Amino acid sequence: MFNELILKKINAKDYELYEDLIYENDNHYYIIKKGFITDGASIPSLFKIFFDNYQGNYTKAAILHDALYRSNI
């Protein structure tokens, strides 16, 4: 379960977390700190006409993925 997501646009493709993003389930608890920079979901160019990097139910999961990937977990 995630808390509320608050993003601030910083350039044409990147956003910054305006508040900590917290993910919690039965076995895991992650905090992605305020100030984390993300480019949203990686969507192939062909599909960008149908999907936006920062819209939809997948945005929080995409940010968690970015944070875990960068931390080498």
C-alpha atoms as a PDB file:
ATOM      1  CA  MET A   1       0.000   0.000   0.000  1.00  0.00           C
ATOM      2  CA  PHE A   2       1.313   3.442  -0.906  1.00  0.00           C
ATOM      3  CA  ASN A   3       0.685   6.819   0.649  1.00  0.00           C
ATOM      4  CA  GLU A   4      -0.361   9.833  -1.435  1.00  0.00           C
ATOM      5  CA  LEU A   5       1.964  10.758  -4.297  1.00  0.00           C
ATOM      6  CA  ILE A   6       2.956  14.405  -4.692  1.00  0.00           C
ATOM      7  CA  LEU A   7       5.260  15.268  -7.597  1.00  0.00           C
ATOM      8  CA  LYS A   8       6.826  18.515  -8.787  1.00  0.00           C
ATOM      9  CA  LYS A   9       7.763  18.854 -12.481  1.00  0.00           C
ATOM     10  CA  ILE A  10      11.388  19.949 -12.834  1.00  0.00           C
ATOM     11  CA  ASN A  11      11.920  19.727 -16.616  1.00  0.00           C
ATOM     12  CA  ALA A  12      10.358  18.263 -19.764  1.00  0.00           C
ATOM     13  CA  LYS A  13      10.684  14.618 -18.653  1.00  0.00           C
ATOM     14  CA  ASP A  14      11.587  14.516 -14.951  1.00  0.00           C
ATOM     15  CA  TYR A  15       9.651  14.973 -11.749  1.00  0.00           C
ATOM     16  CA  GLU A  16      10.788  15.310  -8.145  1.00  0.00           C
ATOM     17  CA  LEU A  17       9.050  13.807  -5.128  1.00  0.00           C
ATOM     18  CA  TYR A  18       7.615  16.698  -3.152  1.00  0.00           C
ATOM     19  CA  GLU A  19       6.987  14.445  -0.133  1.00  0.00           C
ATOM     20  CA  ASP A  20       8.347  11.038   0.903  1.00  0.00           C
ATOM     21  CA  LEU A  21       6.654   8.140  -0.894  1.00  0.00           C
ATOM     22  CA  ILE A  22       6.069   5.180   1.416  1.00  0.00           C
ATOM     23  CA  TYR A  23       5.365   1.621   0.309  1.00  0.00           C
ATOM     24  CA  GLU A  24       4.289  -0.940   2.866  1.00  0.00           C
ATOM     25  CA  ASN A  25       2.987  -4.506   2.707  1.00  0.00           C
ATOM     26  CA  ASP A  26       3.135  -7.535   5.004  1.00  0.00           C
ATOM     27  CA  ASN A  27       6.845  -8.167   4.399  1.00  0.00           C
ATOM     28  CA  HIS A  28       8.382  -4.901   3.151  1.00  0.00           C
ATOM     29  CA  TYR A  29       8.569  -1.236   4.073  1.00  0.00           C
ATOM     30  CA  TYR A  30      10.304   1.254   1.796  1.00  0.00           C
ATOM     31  CA  ILE A  31      10.623   5.018   2.016  1.00  0.00           C
ATOM     32  CA  ILE A  32      11.571   6.916  -1.116  1.00  0.00           C
ATOM     33  CA  LYS A  33      12.785  10.247   0.159  1.00  0.00           C
ATOM     34  CA  LYS A  34      11.493  13.655  -0.774  1.00  0.00           C
ATOM     35  CA  GLY A  35      13.698  15.067  -3.546  1.00  0.00           C
ATOM     36  CA  PHE A  36      14.023  11.762  -5.438  1.00  0.00           C
ATOM     37  CA  ILE A  37      14.097  12.432  -9.197  1.00  0.00           C
ATOM     38  CA  THR A  38      12.152  10.118 -11.498  1.00  0.00           C
ATOM     39  CA  ASP A  39      11.357   9.940 -15.187  1.00  0.00           C
ATOM     40  CA  GLY A  40       8.195   7.926 -14.510  1.00  0.00           C
ATOM     41  CA  ALA A  41       7.356   4.699 -16.262  1.00  0.00           C
ATOM     42  CA  SER A  42       9.528   3.613 -19.170  1.00  0.00           C
ATOM     43  CA  ILE A  43       7.113   3.404 -22.069  1.00  0.00           C
ATOM     44  CA  PRO A  44       8.247   2.600 -25.614  1.00  0.00           C
ATOM     45  CA  SER A  45       7.754   5.537 -27.983  1.00  0.00           C
ATOM     46  CA  LEU A  46       5.216   3.627 -30.047  1.00  0.00           C
ATOM     47  CA  PHE A  47       2.849   3.413 -27.041  1.00  0.00           C
ATOM     48  CA  LYS A  48       3.276   6.956 -25.711  1.00  0.00           C
ATOM     49  CA  ILE A  49       0.239   8.051 -27.698  1.00  0.00           C
ATOM     50  CA  PHE A  50      -1.836   5.765 -25.428  1.00  0.00           C
ATOM     51  CA  PHE A  51       0.006   6.093 -22.098  1.00  0.00           C
ATOM     52  CA  ASP A  52       1.693   8.899 -20.195  1.00  0.00           C
ATOM     53  CA  ASN A  53       4.775   8.334 -18.000  1.00  0.00           C
ATOM     54  CA  TYR A  54       3.029   9.873 -14.976  1.00  0.00           C
ATOM     55  CA  GLN A  55      -0.609   8.878 -15.271  1.00  0.00           C
ATOM     56  CA  GLY A  56      -2.398   5.735 -14.265  1.00  0.00           C
ATOM     57  CA  ASN A  57      -2.245   3.228 -11.478  1.00  0.00           C
ATOM     58  CA  TYR A  58       1.338   2.280 -12.291  1.00  0.00           C
ATOM     59  CA  THR A  59       3.037   5.614 -11.443  1.00  0.00           C
ATOM     60  CA  LYS A  60       3.827   4.818  -7.798  1.00  0.00           C
ATOM     61  CA  ALA A  61       5.081   1.363  -8.746  1.00  0.00           C
ATOM     62  CA  ALA A  62       7.292   2.895 -11.457  1.00  0.00           C
ATOM     63  CA  ILE A  63       8.824   5.292  -8.911  1.00  0.00           C
ATOM     64  CA  LEU A  64       9.421   2.418  -6.449  1.00  0.00           C
ATOM     65  CA  HIS A  65      11.041   0.459  -9.302  1.00  0.00           C
ATOM     66  CA  ASP A  66      13.334   3.409 -10.124  1.00  0.00           C
ATOM     67  CA  ALA A  67      14.367   3.769  -6.473  1.00  0.00           C
ATOM     68  CA  LEU A  68      15.057   0.048  -6.012  1.00  0.00           C
ATOM     69  CA  TYR A  69      16.960  -0.143  -9.302  1.00  0.00           C
ATOM     70  CA  ARG A  70      19.191   2.799  -8.363  1.00  0.00           C
ATOM     71  CA  SER A  71      19.882   1.331  -4.923  1.00  0.00           C
ATOM     72  CA  ASN A  72      20.836  -2.051  -6.466  1.00  0.00           C
ATOM     73  CA  ILE A  73      18.270  -3.985  -4.415  1.00  0.00           C
END
